[in-house]
């Protein structure tokens, strides 16, 4: 069963556009993105995957400043903007 696209989310945001957003707008975007992903996964009876998304973008490990999902996004964004920078995964 394919996931139904959400209204106003049919086109991916360009990384440059995302990078130019204010910190507050970025956080709001990430919050809505993960919330919508959880909703679609729950609607498709994939509650285990929805819980994974929730943890990935909400749980902050001891000693970290960001949830793992946000930290990975920042690493990958940096690699896109500065392609010669070696990408070291945040987690294994």
Protein backbone atom coordinates (compact mmCIF):
# COMPACT_ATOMS: atom_id res chain seq x y z
CA UNK A 1 0.00 0.00 0.00
CA UNK A 2 1.51 3.36 -1.02
CA UNK A 3 1.50 6.37 1.27
CA UNK A 4 -0.87 9.11 0.25
CA UNK A 5 0.87 12.45 -0.29
CA UNK A 6 0.00 15.13 2.22
CA UNK A 7 -1.44 18.44 1.03
CA UNK A 8 1.23 21.07 0.29
CA UNK A 9 4.00 18.49 0.60
CA UNK A 10 4.17 17.24 -2.97
CA UNK A 11 7.52 18.88 -3.74
CA UNK A 12 10.75 18.53 -1.81
CA UNK A 13 12.32 21.66 -0.39
CA UNK A 14 15.63 22.70 -1.89
CA UNK A 15 18.51 22.40 0.61
CA UNK A 16 19.53 26.03 -0.02
CA UNK A 17 16.00 27.19 0.81
CA UNK A 18 16.08 25.13 4.02
CA UNK A 19 19.50 26.50 4.94
CA UNK A 20 18.29 30.10 4.55
CA UNK A 21 15.38 29.64 6.96
CA UNK A 22 15.53 31.10 10.45
CA UNK A 23 16.30 28.63 13.23
CA UNK A 24 12.70 28.87 14.44
CA UNK A 25 11.30 28.19 10.95
CA UNK A 26 13.69 25.26 10.47
CA UNK A 27 12.61 23.73 13.75
CA UNK A 28 8.93 24.21 12.87
CA UNK A 29 9.54 22.57 9.49
CA UNK A 30 11.35 19.59 11.03
CA UNK A 31 8.66 19.21 13.69
CA UNK A 32 5.87 19.21 11.10
CA UNK A 33 7.80 16.88 8.79
CA UNK A 34 8.31 14.25 11.47
CA UNK A 35 4.74 14.69 12.74
CA UNK A 36 3.31 14.18 9.23
CA UNK A 37 5.56 11.16 8.65
CA UNK A 38 4.29 9.62 11.89
CA UNK A 39 0.70 10.29 10.84
CA UNK A 40 1.13 8.61 7.45
CA UNK A 41 2.92 5.62 8.98
CA UNK A 42 0.20 5.20 11.62
CA UNK A 43 -2.51 5.44 8.94
CA UNK A 44 -0.77 2.62 7.10
CA UNK A 45 -0.71 0.49 10.26
CA UNK A 46 3.05 0.91 10.61
CA UNK A 47 3.08 2.03 14.23
CA UNK A 48 6.53 0.53 14.89
CA UNK A 49 8.02 2.69 12.12
CA UNK A 50 6.06 5.72 13.38
CA UNK A 51 7.59 5.21 16.83
CA UNK A 52 11.06 5.04 15.25
CA UNK A 53 10.48 8.39 13.54
CA UNK A 54 9.23 9.90 16.80
CA UNK A 55 12.33 8.71 18.67
CA UNK A 56 14.70 9.71 15.86
CA UNK A 57 13.52 13.33 15.87
CA UNK A 58 12.64 13.79 19.55
CA UNK A 59 14.93 11.78 21.82
CA UNK A 60 18.18 13.49 22.78
CA UNK A 61 20.89 11.16 24.03
CA UNK A 62 22.86 12.04 27.15
CA UNK A 63 25.62 14.50 26.27
CA UNK A 64 24.08 15.49 22.92
CA UNK A 65 22.45 18.78 21.95
CA UNK A 66 20.21 17.50 19.16
CA UNK A 67 18.11 14.44 18.45
CA UNK A 68 19.96 11.92 16.27
CA UNK A 69 17.73 12.64 13.26
CA UNK A 70 18.48 16.35 13.34
CA UNK A 71 22.20 15.76 13.83
CA UNK A 72 22.28 13.40 10.83
CA UNK A 73 20.39 15.95 8.75
CA UNK A 74 22.94 18.64 9.63
CA UNK A 75 25.84 16.32 8.70
CA UNK A 76 24.29 15.41 5.36
CA UNK A 77 23.38 19.03 4.62
CA UNK A 78 27.00 20.04 5.25
CA UNK A 79 28.18 17.27 2.92
CA UNK A 80 25.87 18.59 0.17
CA UNK A 81 27.02 22.17 0.59
CA UNK A 82 30.70 21.28 1.05
CA UNK A 83 31.09 18.06 -0.99
CA UNK A 84 34.78 17.60 -0.20
CA UNK A 85 34.07 17.36 3.53
CA UNK A 86 34.23 13.70 4.61
CA UNK A 87 30.91 12.49 5.99
CA UNK A 88 31.24 10.80 9.37
CA UNK A 89 27.94 9.25 10.45
CA UNK A 90 26.58 10.47 13.75
CA UNK A 91 25.62 6.94 14.72
CA UNK A 92 26.40 3.46 13.47
